[in-house]
Amino acid sequence: MVFFPTVRRCCRADTRRAAVFSKGDAMILESEILWAIDPRYSPLSLSTLKFAAARRRDPQTRPYSPTDRTDGVSVRIIDVAGTLSKYGNYAPWGTLQIGEAVREAAHDPAIHAIMLRIDSPGGATAGTSTLADEVKAAAARKPLHAFVEDLAASAAYWVASQAGRITANSGTAEVGGIGTFMALYDTSVKAKSDGVKAVVIRAGAFKGAGFPGTEITKDQLAVWQKLVDGIQTSFTQAVARGRKMRPDRAVALADGRMHIAADAQRLGLIDGIEPFDTAIRTLRDAARKRLGGRMDAAPAANVGQPLGGARFTAEQIARAEKMRAAADQLTQLDDRARVAQKVAFYRARAVERGR
């Protein structure tokens, strides 16, 4: 892909925020962002931005489907889709919204298990660690599994790794991409050839580093490399803890490579390959086991009791059921719109893959 660099006046606190724009629906790359993403996927294509913006304009959308209550076991399915960012700039939902949905499901006594349905190339590192921590905390309260629908790369895998079990939908699914990077553009030579001299008036040796038109020095690169390495350490440690893997093994796998599902299973990144229905059944079985009984034979009074033996009062259960019913009603109101928007999202991504 050919990039068409431009220099714009920087009025933000961090002068690395120099954008690179291209024509049509090609990539718009913000070079200041620390990415944990598979770079084959265009995180900021115009089609993706338009879809995300349309999604955010609808106040009724939520990052989950109506609760599935088959056989008396309540399963909340939460979607982690598109390019991840803290506030949902490039995808249907941000990591803050997804984390809120995970936390809500974890503390809802009417929900017995959580499934993360993941189809994402990863995204910006900001917000990813917090979401991964939410998933880890929820998995400690009740069964929480992750299901990969074709893609769980980088930041998306960071989140998935904190689930109690990870499976993929097919042998062609891609998993991994454990790594962090930041892209910078040294436009000093171009600026000089255009007769432009960039001047930075600074207080602090590294303030203004990366301002468009200035040279990127070795000392500046060393600072940014330390930043990338620090975030990568957190990423690798989280994978090691979540997958119950030796730290040195996790470090060896943190080379940024993607793996097809069969190889990912062999490497210990996922637990198996199976259809979504099978993954849901396994999750239900885990919930029943955690509850210590056969849910399909249990009386209605047992439905809604928390996992782990604690008991809620009838008033607490009634209040939770009322809140759950209201949430389900909201998600069902725009059910057709949700399907149409998801189709639009995958069409946009197919166009990007085809370039």
Protein backbone atom coordinates (compact mmCIF):
# COMPACT_ATOMS: atom_id res chain seq x y z
CA MET A 1 0.00 0.00 0.00
CA VAL A 2 1.26 3.48 -0.85
CA PHE A 3 1.03 6.12 1.85
CA PHE A 4 0.69 9.84 1.12
CA PRO A 5 2.27 11.68 4.06
CA THR A 6 1.14 15.15 5.01
CA VAL A 7 2.42 17.57 7.63
CA ARG A 8 -0.20 19.25 9.77
CA ARG A 9 -0.02 21.71 12.61
CA CYS A 10 0.12 19.80 15.87
CA CYS A 11 -1.97 21.22 18.67
CA ARG A 12 -2.00 18.17 20.95
CA ALA A 13 0.13 17.50 23.98
CA ASP A 14 1.99 14.59 22.37
CA THR A 15 3.64 15.76 19.13
CA ARG A 16 3.95 12.21 17.79
CA ARG A 17 0.34 12.57 16.66
CA ALA A 18 1.19 13.02 13.00
CA ALA A 19 -1.33 11.35 10.72
CA VAL A 20 -0.81 9.68 7.39
CA PHE A 21 -3.77 9.86 5.04
CA SER A 22 -4.40 8.02 1.81
CA LYS A 23 -6.97 8.21 -0.96
CA GLY A 24 -10.35 6.55 -1.21
CA ASP A 25 -10.98 3.86 1.40
CA ALA A 26 -7.33 3.03 2.04
CA MET A 27 -5.59 3.20 5.37
CA ILE A 28 -5.50 6.22 7.65
CA LEU A 29 -2.70 5.52 10.11
CA GLU A 30 -2.17 7.49 13.29
CA SER A 31 1.49 6.99 14.01
CA GLU A 32 1.39 7.91 17.69
CA ILE A 33 -0.64 4.93 18.83
CA LEU A 34 0.95 1.93 20.52
CA TRP A 35 -0.56 -1.01 18.68
CA ALA A 36 -1.11 -4.62 19.64
CA ILE A 37 -2.64 -5.52 16.29
CA ASP A 38 -2.05 -7.68 13.23
CA PRO A 39 -0.80 -4.99 10.78
CA ARG A 40 -2.31 -6.79 7.78
CA TYR A 41 -5.65 -5.36 8.83
CA SER A 42 -6.35 -1.70 8.18
CA PRO A 43 -7.40 -0.37 11.61
CA LEU A 44 -8.60 2.99 10.40
CA SER A 45 -10.13 2.45 6.96
CA LEU A 46 -12.91 4.86 6.13
CA SER A 47 -15.45 2.04 5.90
CA THR A 48 -14.55 0.83 9.40
CA LEU A 49 -14.77 4.35 10.81
CA LYS A 50 -18.18 4.92 9.20
CA PHE A 51 -19.49 1.63 10.59
CA ALA A 52 -18.19 2.38 14.09
CA ALA A 53 -19.68 5.87 14.00
CA ALA A 54 -23.10 4.53 12.95
CA ARG A 55 -22.93 1.96 15.74
CA ARG A 56 -22.14 4.60 18.37
CA ARG A 57 -25.03 6.79 17.22
CA ASP A 58 -27.49 4.07 18.27
CA PRO A 59 -27.82 4.36 22.07
CA GLN A 60 -29.53 0.96 22.33
CA THR A 61 -26.63 -1.12 21.05
CA ARG A 62 -24.75 -3.24 23.54
CA PRO A 63 -21.69 -5.52 23.07
CA TYR A 64 -23.73 -8.61 23.89
CA SER A 65 -26.64 -10.68 22.66
CA PRO A 66 -29.84 -11.38 24.62
CA THR A 67 -29.07 -13.87 27.40
CA ASP A 68 -29.39 -17.51 26.34
CA ARG A 69 -31.31 -19.47 28.99
CA THR A 70 -31.38 -22.96 27.50
CA ASP A 71 -31.92 -25.76 30.06
CA GLY A 72 -32.09 -23.26 32.91
CA VAL A 73 -28.45 -22.17 32.50
CA SER A 74 -28.11 -18.47 31.74
CA VAL A 75 -25.21 -17.69 29.39
CA ARG A 76 -24.29 -14.12 28.46
CA ILE A 77 -22.55 -13.94 25.05
CA ILE A 78 -20.33 -10.86 24.72
CA ASP A 79 -18.84 -9.86 21.37
CA VAL A 80 -15.26 -8.65 21.00
CA ALA A 81 -15.19 -7.60 17.35
CA GLY A 82 -13.28 -5.27 15.06
CA THR A 83 -10.22 -3.16 15.80
CA LEU A 84 -10.07 -2.58 19.54
CA SER A 85 -9.72 0.84 21.09
CA LYS A 86 -10.60 2.30 24.47
CA TYR A 87 -13.60 4.33 23.32
CA GLY A 88 -14.69 2.36 20.24
CA ASN A 89 -13.18 4.69 17.64
CA TYR A 90 -12.61 1.92 15.10
CA ALA A 91 -15.12 -0.80 16.00
CA PRO A 92 -18.72 -1.27 17.19
CA TRP A 93 -17.70 -1.01 20.86
CA GLY A 94 -14.73 0.16 22.86
CA THR A 95 -12.87 -1.88 25.45
CA LEU A 96 -14.50 0.25 28.16
CA GLN A 97 -17.97 -0.82 26.99
CA ILE A 98 -16.95 -4.45 26.65
CA GLY A 99 -15.34 -4.40 30.10
CA GLU A 100 -18.51 -2.92 31.57
CA ALA A 101 -20.55 -5.70 29.97
CA VAL A 102 -18.19 -8.35 31.37
CA ARG A 103 -18.29 -6.81 34.85
CA GLU A 104 -22.08 -6.53 34.77
CA ALA A 105 -22.45 -10.18 33.75
CA ALA A 106 -19.95 -11.30 36.38
CA HIS A 107 -21.94 -9.65 39.18
CA ASP A 108 -25.41 -10.55 37.88
CA PRO A 109 -26.73 -13.51 39.93
CA ALA A 110 -29.12 -14.37 37.11
CA ILE A 111 -26.23 -15.13 34.74
CA HIS A 112 -24.35 -18.37 35.34
CA ALA A 113 -21.65 -18.25 32.65
CA ILE A 114 -20.06 -15.88 30.13
CA MET A 115 -18.88 -16.51 26.58
CA LEU A 116 -16.58 -14.08 24.79
CA ARG A 117 -17.15 -14.35 21.04
CA ILE A 118 -13.99 -12.92 19.45
CA ASP A 119 -13.32 -11.83 15.88
CA SER A 120 -10.68 -9.12 16.06
CA PRO A 121 -7.22 -8.29 14.71
CA GLY A 122 -6.36 -6.58 18.00
CA GLY A 123 -5.93 -2.84 18.30
CA ALA A 124 -4.51 -0.06 20.44
CA THR A 125 -2.90 -1.08 23.73
CA ALA A 126 -4.76 1.63 25.69
CA GLY A 127 -7.63 -0.07 27.51
CA THR A 128 -6.59 -3.61 26.60
CA SER A 129 -4.91 -4.45 29.90
CA THR A 130 -7.93 -3.16 31.84
CA LEU A 131 -10.31 -5.29 29.76
CA ALA A 132 -8.08 -8.34 30.22
CA ASP A 133 -8.16 -7.76 33.99
CA GLU A 134 -11.98 -7.55 33.89
CA VAL A 135 -12.09 -10.89 32.07
CA LYS A 136 -9.70 -12.46 34.57
CA ALA A 137 -11.77 -11.22 37.52
CA ALA A 138 -15.01 -12.45 35.94
CA ALA A 139 -13.48 -15.87 35.23
CA ALA A 140 -12.69 -16.16 38.93
CA ARG A 141 -16.38 -15.64 39.80
CA LYS A 142 -18.06 -17.91 37.25
CA PRO A 143 -17.23 -19.97 34.14
CA LEU A 144 -15.99 -17.70 31.35
CA HIS A 145 -14.81 -19.12 28.03
CA ALA A 146 -13.62 -17.50 24.79
CA PHE A 147 -14.59 -18.57 21.28
CA VAL A 148 -12.53 -17.42 18.29
CA GLU A 149 -14.59 -16.78 15.18
CA ASP A 150 -11.74 -16.82 12.65
CA LEU A 151 -9.48 -14.25 14.29
CA ALA A 152 -8.00 -13.44 17.71
CA ALA A 153 -4.84 -11.46 17.15
CA SER A 154 -2.59 -9.48 19.45
CA ALA A 155 -4.70 -7.34 21.85
CA ALA A 156 -7.71 -9.57 21.16
CA TYR A 157 -5.64 -12.60 22.16
CA TRP A 158 -4.42 -10.73 25.26
CA VAL A 159 -8.08 -10.49 26.31
CA ALA A 160 -8.90 -14.09 25.29
CA SER A 161 -5.93 -15.50 27.20
CA GLN A 162 -7.59 -14.59 30.50
CA ALA A 163 -10.59 -16.85 29.82
CA GLY A 164 -10.81 -20.27 31.45
CA ARG A 165 -10.98 -22.00 28.06
CA ILE A 166 -10.33 -20.90 24.47
CA THR A 167 -11.55 -22.68 21.34
CA ALA A 168 -11.66 -21.71 17.66
CA ASN A 169 -14.37 -22.27 15.08
CA SER A 170 -12.22 -23.88 12.37
CA GLY A 171 -8.76 -25.04 11.41
CA THR A 172 -8.29 -21.90 9.33
CA ALA A 173 -8.89 -19.55 12.26
CA GLU A 174 -5.87 -17.37 13.11
CA VAL A 175 -4.64 -16.93 16.66
CA GLY A 176 -1.66 -15.24 18.30
CA GLY A 177 0.23 -12.17 17.18
CA ILE A 178 1.66 -11.68 20.67
CA GLY A 179 3.58 -8.46 20.26
CA THR A 180 3.51 -4.66 20.46
CA PHE A 181 4.68 -2.01 18.03
CA MET A 182 4.60 1.71 17.31
CA ALA A 183 5.12 3.20 13.85
CA LEU A 184 6.87 6.53 13.41
CA TYR A 185 7.65 8.62 10.35
CA ASP A 186 10.84 10.66 10.07
CA THR A 187 9.80 13.39 7.61
CA SER A 188 12.82 15.62 8.21
CA VAL A 189 14.43 14.87 4.82
CA LYS A 190 11.17 15.50 2.99
CA ALA A 191 10.62 18.76 4.88
CA LYS A 192 14.15 19.91 4.06
CA SER A 193 13.69 19.14 0.35
CA ASP A 194 10.47 21.19 0.43
CA GLY A 195 12.28 24.10 2.03
CA VAL A 196 10.49 23.65 5.35
CA LYS A 197 12.29 23.86 8.68
CA ALA A 198 10.41 22.51 11.68
CA VAL A 199 11.17 24.35 14.91
CA VAL A 200 10.27 22.92 18.33
CA ILE A 201 10.37 25.17 21.38
CA ARG A 202 10.53 22.80 24.29
CA ALA A 203 10.87 22.48 28.03
CA GLY A 204 12.34 19.04 28.59
CA ALA A 205 14.83 17.12 26.47
CA PHE A 206 12.25 14.79 24.93
CA LYS A 207 9.21 17.08 24.78
CA GLY A 208 8.17 17.56 21.18
CA ALA A 209 9.98 14.43 20.02
CA GLY A 210 8.46 13.15 16.80
CA PHE A 211 7.05 16.52 15.72
CA PRO A 212 6.47 16.40 11.93
CA GLY A 213 9.50 17.60 10.02
CA THR A 214 12.00 17.02 12.82
CA GLU A 215 14.61 14.28 12.80
CA ILE A 216 13.98 11.21 14.94
CA THR A 217 17.16 10.66 16.95
CA LYS A 218 18.66 7.50 18.41
CA ASP A 219 17.98 8.75 21.93
CA GLN A 220 14.31 9.29 21.08
CA LEU A 221 14.08 5.81 19.56
CA ALA A 222 15.59 4.35 22.73
CA VAL A 223 12.90 6.03 24.85
CA TRP A 224 10.09 4.73 22.63
CA GLN A 225 11.64 1.26 22.51
CA LYS A 226 11.63 1.17 26.32
CA LEU A 227 7.95 2.13 26.28
CA VAL A 228 7.10 -0.64 23.80
CA ASP A 229 9.16 -3.18 25.77
CA GLY A 230 7.39 -2.27 29.02
CA ILE A 231 3.94 -2.80 27.55
CA GLN A 232 5.07 -6.03 25.90
CA THR A 233 6.29 -7.34 29.25
CA SER A 234 2.80 -6.83 30.69
CA PHE A 235 1.28 -8.55 27.64
CA THR A 236 3.58 -11.57 27.87
CA GLN A 237 3.12 -11.93 31.63
CA ALA A 238 -0.67 -11.83 31.22
CA VAL A 239 -0.55 -14.60 28.59
CA ALA A 240 1.68 -16.72 30.83
CA ARG A 241 -0.69 -16.35 33.79
CA GLY A 242 -3.86 -16.82 31.80
CA ARG A 243 -2.68 -19.89 29.89
CA LYS A 244 -0.82 -21.32 32.91
CA MET A 245 2.37 -21.26 30.88
CA ARG A 246 5.97 -20.99 31.98
CA PRO A 247 7.20 -17.38 31.61
CA ASP A 248 10.07 -18.40 29.32
CA ARG A 249 7.60 -20.29 27.12
CA ALA A 250 5.40 -17.20 26.83
CA VAL A 251 8.42 -15.06 25.96
CA ALA A 252 9.37 -17.51 23.19
CA LEU A 253 5.87 -17.22 21.72
CA ALA A 254 5.88 -13.41 21.88
CA ASP A 255 7.41 -12.88 18.45
CA GLY A 256 4.36 -11.34 16.76
CA ARG A 257 3.59 -14.39 14.61
CA MET A 258 0.07 -15.56 13.84
CA HIS A 259 -0.79 -19.27 13.91
CA ILE A 260 -3.55 -21.30 12.33
CA ALA A 261 -5.78 -22.96 14.91
CA ALA A 262 -4.17 -26.41 14.80
CA ASP A 263 -0.72 -24.93 15.45
CA ALA A 264 -2.14 -22.60 18.09
CA GLN A 265 -3.57 -25.63 19.91
CA ARG A 266 -0.25 -27.45 19.69
CA LEU A 267 1.52 -24.41 21.12
CA GLY A 268 -0.95 -24.14 24.00
CA LEU A 269 -2.53 -20.88 22.85
CA ILE A 270 -6.00 -22.45 22.54
CA ASP A 271 -7.65 -25.58 23.90
CA GLY A 272 -9.40 -26.94 20.82
CA ILE A 273 -11.29 -26.51 17.56
CA GLU A 274 -15.06 -26.90 17.65
CA PRO A 275 -18.36 -25.37 16.48
CA PHE A 276 -19.89 -22.58 18.53
CA ASP A 277 -22.77 -24.81 19.68
CA THR A 278 -20.29 -27.30 21.11
CA ALA A 279 -18.39 -24.53 22.88
CA ILE A 280 -21.64 -23.29 24.43
CA ARG A 281 -22.56 -26.81 25.60
CA THR A 282 -19.14 -27.18 27.23
CA LEU A 283 -19.61 -23.85 28.97
CA ARG A 284 -23.05 -24.92 30.21
CA ASP A 285 -21.56 -28.13 31.57
CA ALA A 286 -18.93 -26.10 33.41
CA ALA A 287 -21.66 -23.91 34.90
CA ARG A 288 -23.64 -26.95 36.05
CA LYS A 289 -20.55 -28.46 37.62
CA ARG A 290 -19.75 -25.19 39.37
CA LEU A 291 -23.29 -25.03 40.68
CA GLY A 292 -22.95 -28.59 41.94
CA GLY A 293 -26.08 -30.04 40.36
CA ARG A 294 -28.06 -30.75 37.20
CA MET A 295 -29.55 -27.43 36.19
CA ASP A 296 -32.03 -29.00 33.80
CA ALA A 297 -33.53 -30.93 36.72
CA ALA A 298 -33.25 -28.13 39.25
CA PRO A 299 -36.28 -26.18 40.47
CA ALA A 300 -36.77 -22.63 39.24
CA ALA A 301 -35.68 -21.25 42.61
CA ASN A 302 -32.12 -22.42 41.91
CA VAL A 303 -31.94 -20.44 38.69
CA GLY A 304 -30.31 -17.13 39.47
CA GLN A 305 -28.31 -18.32 42.45
CA PRO A 306 -24.65 -17.29 42.25
CA LEU A 307 -21.89 -19.75 41.58
CA GLY A 308 -19.68 -20.89 44.40
CA GLY A 309 -22.27 -21.65 47.07
CA ALA A 310 -23.28 -18.13 48.18
CA ARG A 311 -27.02 -17.33 48.37
CA PHE A 312 -28.89 -14.19 47.36
CA THR A 313 -32.12 -13.01 48.94
CA ALA A 314 -35.38 -13.21 47.00
CA GLU A 315 -35.41 -9.41 46.78
CA GLN A 316 -31.90 -9.32 45.28
CA ILE A 317 -32.82 -12.00 42.73
CA ALA A 318 -36.03 -10.19 41.78
CA ARG A 319 -34.14 -6.93 41.30
CA ALA A 320 -31.48 -8.65 39.18
CA GLU A 321 -34.14 -10.37 37.07
CA LYS A 322 -35.88 -7.04 36.50
CA MET A 323 -32.62 -5.42 35.40
CA ARG A 324 -31.83 -8.39 33.18
CA ALA A 325 -35.26 -8.26 31.55
CA ALA A 326 -34.86 -4.55 30.83
CA ALA A 327 -31.42 -5.14 29.28
CA ASP A 328 -32.74 -8.00 27.15
CA GLN A 329 -35.62 -5.84 25.96
CA LEU A 330 -33.19 -3.15 24.84
CA THR A 331 -31.06 -5.60 22.89
CA GLN A 332 -34.08 -7.23 21.26
CA LEU A 333 -35.53 -3.89 20.11
CA ASP A 334 -32.76 -3.39 17.58
CA ASP A 335 -32.14 -7.03 16.73
CA ARG A 336 -32.57 -6.55 12.99
CA ALA A 337 -30.38 -3.47 13.01
CA ARG A 338 -27.66 -5.40 14.86
CA VAL A 339 -27.64 -8.09 12.17
CA ALA A 340 -27.55 -5.53 9.35
CA GLN A 341 -24.73 -3.61 10.99
CA LYS A 342 -22.68 -6.74 11.56
CA VAL A 343 -23.12 -7.73 7.92
CA ALA A 344 -21.93 -4.25 6.90
CA PHE A 345 -18.91 -4.60 9.16
CA TYR A 346 -17.83 -7.93 7.69
CA ARG A 347 -18.41 -6.68 4.16
CA ALA A 348 -16.13 -3.73 4.88
CA ARG A 349 -13.48 -6.03 6.30
CA ALA A 350 -13.74 -8.34 3.28
CA VAL A 351 -13.08 -5.37 1.00
CA GLU A 352 -10.02 -4.46 3.07
CA ARG A 353 -8.69 -8.04 2.95
CA GLY A 354 -9.13 -8.12 -0.81
CA ARG A 355 -6.84 -5.18 -1.46
